[in-house]
Amino acid sequence: MTNRQPAVFLPHGGGPCFFMDWNPPDTWDRQRRFLEAFSADLPERPKALLVISGHWEERIFTIQTNPAPPLLFDYNGFPPHTYQLTWPAPGDPTLASRVRDLLKGAGFATGEDATRGYDHGVFVPLKVAFPDADIPTVQLSLRADLDPEAHLAAGRALAPLRDEGVLIIGSGNTYHNMGVMMRAMRGGATGPVAGSEFDRWLTDAVTQDDPVRRDAMLAAWAEAPGGREANPREEHLIPLHVVAGAAGADHGTKTLEDHVMGAVESAFRFG
C-alpha cells in the first residue's frame, strides 16, 4: 500500500541563492540544511511531485505536460555559472492528465503547456531537496487572479493525489517584500525582523485545529496584521493556499522559521 504523502509549503529562497556565494556566507545556510533534510521525513519515496510555484501564472490553471522539461532560468543579474545549473527530473504526462481531470471535475477551466520548463521556484529548492532528479515532476500554474478562495478550492480538488503517492509542494515565500529585504541587505540587516507580525498570524492560521477556520483565515490573509507589508503582491504566498486546500483535515505544523536578509521566512507541512 502507498503511504499518504503530506502537502508542504517550502520557501525557495532568492534566485539561485543556494548555488552562489553570499555576504555573509551563511545567509542561506539554514534554508539549505532544511531542504537537504527534507526528504528524510517523508513517509516513503514519492511516486511523483506536483509543484505549485510563485513564478508561473496563467489566466486559468495550466498544467505542464512536457515529458522532459528543461530549466527556465527566469532570474537576472546572477553569476554566469548559475545559468548552467542542471536538474533533469522527468515530467509526467500521465500525472498531468490526472491533475487536469481533478481540476475540471471541480469546475475549474484548465489548460496545458507542452513546452514549459521548470522555473527557478521548482528547480532551485528541489535541486537541494532531491539532487538525484529522478522523481517525475509536474508543475501547476497559479491562476492569474490570485484569488485565495479559488486556490484553496483547487487544492481540495487535488487532495486525492496524496493517497496516490504524489507529494504536493507549494514553493514560494511567506515574506516577499523585496524592497525591504534589499534595503536590509545593503544596510546589514539590523533591528526588528521584517514580517514577524504577519508570520505570527500566519503560523496561527496554518496550525488551527479546525480546518474550516484555518481556510477562512487564509482566505482573508490580506486583512491580517502586516499581511500586505509582507506580500505587496501575493504570488509567492498563494501556493500555500493550494497546499492548505489539499491538506483536508490534517493539522498544519511549522517546520522552519528562518531569519534571512532582514525578514522571516517559514515552511509548513500538513500530514
Protein backbone atom coordinates (compact mmCIF):
# COMPACT_ATOMS: atom_id res chain seq x y z
CA MET A 1 0.00 0.00 0.00
CA THR A 2 1.08 3.55 -0.68
CA ASN A 3 1.58 5.71 2.39
CA ARG A 4 -0.23 9.01 2.15
CA GLN A 5 2.09 11.85 1.25
CA PRO A 6 1.97 15.16 3.11
CA ALA A 7 1.27 18.51 1.49
CA VAL A 8 4.05 21.02 2.10
CA PHE A 9 4.96 24.65 1.58
CA LEU A 10 8.67 25.35 1.08
CA PRO A 11 10.48 28.70 0.84
CA HIS A 12 12.56 28.71 -2.33
CA GLY A 13 14.99 31.46 -1.36
CA GLY A 14 16.03 34.23 -3.69
CA GLY A 15 17.08 33.45 -7.26
CA PRO A 16 19.73 30.71 -7.38
CA CYS A 17 20.72 31.55 -3.78
CA PHE A 18 21.84 28.06 -2.74
CA PHE A 19 24.38 27.84 -5.56
CA MET A 20 26.38 31.03 -5.20
CA ASP A 21 28.43 32.99 -2.68
CA TRP A 22 26.77 35.48 -0.34
CA ASN A 23 27.88 38.04 2.19
CA PRO A 24 27.63 36.97 4.93
CA PRO A 25 28.48 33.50 3.63
CA ASP A 26 25.93 31.72 5.84
CA THR A 27 22.97 33.80 4.60
CA TRP A 28 21.04 30.84 3.16
CA ASP A 29 22.59 28.00 5.19
CA ARG A 30 19.54 27.33 7.38
CA GLN A 31 17.17 27.00 4.44
CA ARG A 32 19.70 24.86 2.58
CA ARG A 33 20.05 22.48 5.54
CA PHE A 34 16.28 22.31 5.86
CA LEU A 35 15.91 21.35 2.20
CA GLU A 36 18.75 18.83 2.38
CA ALA A 37 16.98 17.02 5.24
CA PHE A 38 13.51 17.38 3.79
CA SER A 39 13.08 14.02 2.05
CA ALA A 40 14.18 12.05 5.12
CA ASP A 41 10.93 12.99 6.88
CA LEU A 42 8.62 11.73 4.13
CA PRO A 43 6.66 8.51 4.75
CA GLU A 44 8.19 6.97 1.63
CA ARG A 45 9.75 7.99 -1.64
CA PRO A 46 7.09 9.92 -3.60
CA LYS A 47 5.90 8.42 -6.85
CA ALA A 48 5.80 11.94 -8.28
CA LEU A 49 5.95 15.61 -7.31
CA LEU A 50 3.31 18.20 -8.11
CA VAL A 51 4.75 21.67 -7.63
CA ILE A 52 2.92 24.99 -7.49
CA SER A 53 5.46 27.80 -7.82
CA GLY A 54 5.06 31.50 -7.24
CA HIS A 55 6.76 32.05 -10.61
CA TRP A 56 4.09 30.79 -13.00
CA GLU A 57 0.74 32.50 -13.51
CA GLU A 58 -1.81 31.88 -16.25
CA ARG A 59 -5.34 33.11 -16.90
CA ILE A 60 -6.63 29.63 -15.99
CA PHE A 61 -4.95 26.81 -14.06
CA THR A 62 -2.45 25.38 -16.51
CA ILE A 63 -0.62 22.08 -16.24
CA GLN A 64 2.87 21.36 -17.53
CA THR A 65 2.70 18.31 -19.84
CA ASN A 66 6.28 18.36 -21.12
CA PRO A 67 7.77 14.85 -20.68
CA ALA A 68 11.31 16.24 -20.40
CA PRO A 69 11.14 19.81 -19.08
CA PRO A 70 14.27 21.96 -19.48
CA LEU A 71 15.20 24.56 -16.88
CA LEU A 72 13.70 28.02 -17.21
CA PHE A 73 16.31 30.49 -15.93
CA ASP A 74 13.81 33.15 -15.01
CA TYR A 75 16.16 35.29 -12.93
CA ASN A 76 18.51 38.07 -13.92
CA GLY A 77 21.85 39.52 -12.89
CA PHE A 78 23.34 36.47 -11.17
CA PRO A 79 26.78 34.88 -11.78
CA PRO A 80 27.24 33.07 -15.11
CA HIS A 81 27.56 29.63 -13.52
CA THR A 82 24.02 29.88 -12.13
CA TYR A 83 22.74 29.72 -15.72
CA GLN A 84 24.50 26.38 -16.19
CA LEU A 85 22.71 24.53 -13.38
CA THR A 86 21.06 21.21 -14.21
CA TRP A 87 18.14 19.31 -12.69
CA PRO A 88 16.94 16.80 -15.29
CA ALA A 89 13.87 15.41 -13.49
CA PRO A 90 11.45 13.80 -15.96
CA GLY A 91 7.99 15.18 -16.49
CA ASP A 92 4.91 13.01 -16.08
CA PRO A 93 2.19 13.49 -18.72
CA THR A 94 0.02 10.85 -17.03
CA LEU A 95 0.04 12.78 -13.76
CA ALA A 96 -0.57 16.00 -15.70
CA SER A 97 -3.71 14.46 -17.19
CA ARG A 98 -4.86 13.32 -13.75
CA VAL A 99 -4.33 16.82 -12.35
CA ARG A 100 -6.33 18.33 -15.16
CA ASP A 101 -9.18 15.84 -14.69
CA LEU A 102 -9.38 16.57 -10.96
CA LEU A 103 -9.49 20.31 -11.51
CA LYS A 104 -12.05 20.03 -14.31
CA GLY A 105 -14.15 17.78 -12.09
CA ALA A 106 -14.21 20.58 -9.51
CA GLY A 107 -15.49 23.03 -12.11
CA PHE A 108 -12.23 24.79 -12.99
CA ALA A 109 -11.28 25.80 -16.50
CA THR A 110 -7.86 24.33 -17.25
CA GLY A 111 -5.14 24.46 -19.86
CA GLU A 112 -1.93 22.67 -20.62
CA ASP A 113 1.55 23.69 -21.70
CA ALA A 114 3.59 21.10 -23.58
CA THR A 115 6.79 23.15 -23.82
CA ARG A 116 7.26 24.90 -20.47
CA GLY A 117 10.34 24.09 -18.40
CA TYR A 118 10.83 24.12 -14.64
CA ASP A 119 11.12 27.67 -13.33
CA HIS A 120 13.51 28.52 -10.52
CA GLY A 121 10.75 28.16 -7.94
CA VAL A 122 10.93 24.47 -8.83
CA PHE A 123 14.49 23.60 -9.69
CA VAL A 124 16.34 25.76 -7.17
CA PRO A 125 14.83 24.25 -3.98
CA LEU A 126 14.33 20.78 -5.44
CA LYS A 127 17.91 20.53 -6.69
CA VAL A 128 18.81 20.72 -2.98
CA ALA A 129 15.97 18.53 -1.68
CA PHE A 130 16.05 15.89 -4.45
CA PRO A 131 19.53 16.18 -6.00
CA ASP A 132 19.23 12.93 -7.98
CA ALA A 133 16.41 14.48 -10.05
CA ASP A 134 14.88 11.05 -10.55
CA ILE A 135 11.29 11.61 -9.38
CA PRO A 136 8.78 12.58 -12.07
CA THR A 137 7.69 16.18 -11.56
CA VAL A 138 4.80 18.24 -12.87
CA GLN A 139 4.31 21.97 -12.37
CA LEU A 140 0.90 23.57 -11.99
CA SER A 141 0.42 27.29 -12.57
CA LEU A 142 -1.28 29.74 -10.28
CA ARG A 143 -4.42 31.35 -11.63
CA ALA A 144 -3.58 34.92 -12.50
CA ASP A 145 -6.34 36.47 -10.41
CA LEU A 146 -4.55 35.03 -7.33
CA ASP A 147 -7.91 34.56 -5.66
CA PRO A 148 -7.24 32.81 -2.33
CA GLU A 149 -10.60 31.01 -2.23
CA ALA A 150 -10.08 29.60 -5.72
CA HIS A 151 -6.62 28.32 -4.85
CA LEU A 152 -7.88 26.71 -1.65
CA ALA A 153 -10.61 25.03 -3.71
CA ALA A 154 -8.09 23.86 -6.30
CA GLY A 155 -6.07 22.28 -3.52
CA ARG A 156 -9.15 20.46 -2.23
CA ALA A 157 -9.71 19.06 -5.72
CA LEU A 158 -6.12 17.81 -5.85
CA ALA A 159 -6.13 16.19 -2.39
CA PRO A 160 -6.73 12.61 -3.73
CA LEU A 161 -3.27 12.70 -5.28
CA ARG A 162 -1.74 12.43 -1.82
CA ASP A 163 -3.20 8.93 -1.45
CA GLU A 164 -1.73 8.06 -4.84
CA GLY A 165 1.83 8.72 -3.72
CA VAL A 166 2.11 12.26 -5.08
CA LEU A 167 3.83 14.85 -2.92
CA ILE A 168 2.15 18.24 -3.35
CA ILE A 169 4.63 21.10 -2.91
CA GLY A 170 3.88 24.79 -2.74
CA SER A 171 7.03 26.78 -3.49
CA GLY A 172 7.17 30.46 -2.61
CA ASN A 173 7.99 32.76 0.28
CA THR A 174 5.91 33.82 3.24
CA TYR A 175 7.60 37.23 3.10
CA HIS A 176 8.21 38.75 -0.33
CA ASN A 177 8.69 42.48 0.02
CA MET A 178 11.93 42.66 -1.93
CA GLY A 179 12.39 46.40 -1.44
CA VAL A 180 12.55 45.99 2.33
CA MET A 181 14.83 42.94 2.09
CA MET A 182 17.29 44.61 -0.27
CA ARG A 183 17.50 47.69 1.94
CA ALA A 184 18.16 45.46 4.94
CA MET A 185 20.82 43.58 2.99
CA ARG A 186 22.63 46.75 1.93
CA GLY A 187 22.45 48.15 5.45
CA GLY A 188 23.44 44.96 7.22
CA ALA A 189 20.17 43.50 8.48
CA THR A 190 19.83 45.01 11.96
CA GLY A 191 16.82 45.95 14.03
CA PRO A 192 13.41 44.25 14.02
CA VAL A 193 12.95 41.30 11.69
CA ALA A 194 10.56 42.31 8.91
CA GLY A 195 7.41 40.25 8.63
CA SER A 196 7.41 38.97 12.21
CA GLU A 197 3.88 40.17 12.93
CA PHE A 198 2.48 38.54 9.81
CA ASP A 199 4.45 35.36 10.41
CA ARG A 200 2.92 35.00 13.88
CA TRP A 201 -0.54 35.44 12.39
CA LEU A 202 0.18 33.04 9.52
CA THR A 203 1.52 30.38 11.87
CA ASP A 204 -1.62 30.69 13.98
CA ALA A 205 -3.78 30.35 10.86
CA VAL A 206 -1.96 27.30 9.48
CA THR A 207 -1.91 25.49 12.82
CA GLN A 208 -5.62 25.93 13.62
CA ASP A 209 -7.24 22.70 14.81
CA ASP A 210 -10.38 23.43 12.79
CA PRO A 211 -9.63 23.23 9.03
CA VAL A 212 -12.68 25.37 8.23
CA ARG A 213 -11.37 28.11 10.49
CA ARG A 214 -7.87 27.67 9.02
CA ASP A 215 -9.06 28.08 5.47
CA ALA A 216 -11.25 31.06 6.35
CA MET A 217 -8.29 32.80 7.95
CA LEU A 218 -6.05 32.07 4.97
CA ALA A 219 -8.71 33.34 2.58
CA ALA A 220 -8.62 36.66 4.46
CA TRP A 221 -4.83 36.84 4.67
CA ALA A 222 -4.70 40.39 3.23
CA GLU A 223 -6.54 41.68 6.31
CA ALA A 224 -4.01 40.11 8.67
CA PRO A 225 -1.61 42.27 10.68
CA GLY A 226 1.31 43.06 8.37
CA GLY A 227 -0.14 40.98 5.53
CA ARG A 228 0.25 43.48 2.72
CA GLU A 229 3.56 44.77 4.03
CA ALA A 230 4.89 41.20 3.91
CA ASN A 231 3.35 40.50 0.49
CA PRO A 232 2.69 43.65 -1.55
CA ARG A 233 1.76 41.21 -4.32
CA GLU A 234 0.73 37.76 -3.14
CA GLU A 235 2.02 35.41 -5.84
CA HIS A 236 4.65 33.94 -3.51
CA LEU A 237 2.12 33.29 -0.72
CA ILE A 238 -0.74 31.80 -2.75
CA PRO A 239 0.98 28.40 -3.31
CA LEU A 240 0.40 27.91 0.41
CA HIS A 241 -3.34 28.15 -0.21
CA VAL A 242 -3.25 25.27 -2.70
CA VAL A 243 -1.31 23.22 -0.17
CA ALA A 244 -3.74 24.08 2.65
CA GLY A 245 -6.66 23.12 0.45
CA ALA A 246 -5.04 19.76 -0.25
CA ALA A 247 -4.49 19.27 3.49
CA GLY A 248 -8.11 18.46 4.24
CA ALA A 249 -8.46 17.85 7.97
CA ASP A 250 -4.72 17.33 8.50
CA HIS A 251 -3.20 19.56 11.13
CA GLY A 252 -0.63 22.08 9.98
CA THR A 253 2.77 22.49 11.59
CA LYS A 254 5.57 24.98 11.09
CA THR A 255 8.69 23.11 10.01
CA LEU A 256 11.07 26.04 9.53
CA GLU A 257 11.39 29.63 10.65
CA ASP A 258 14.39 31.39 9.18
CA HIS A 259 15.51 34.99 9.50
CA VAL A 260 17.24 35.96 6.26
CA MET A 261 18.02 39.30 4.62
CA GLY A 262 16.28 41.06 7.49
CA ALA A 263 12.99 39.16 7.12
CA VAL A 264 11.32 36.00 8.37
CA GLU A 265 10.59 33.06 6.05
CA SER A 266 8.69 29.96 7.12
CA ALA A 267 7.84 26.47 5.89
CA PHE A 268 4.72 24.48 6.73
CA ARG A 269 3.58 20.88 6.48
CA PHE A 270 0.22 19.13 6.63
CA GLY A 271 0.17 15.41 7.35
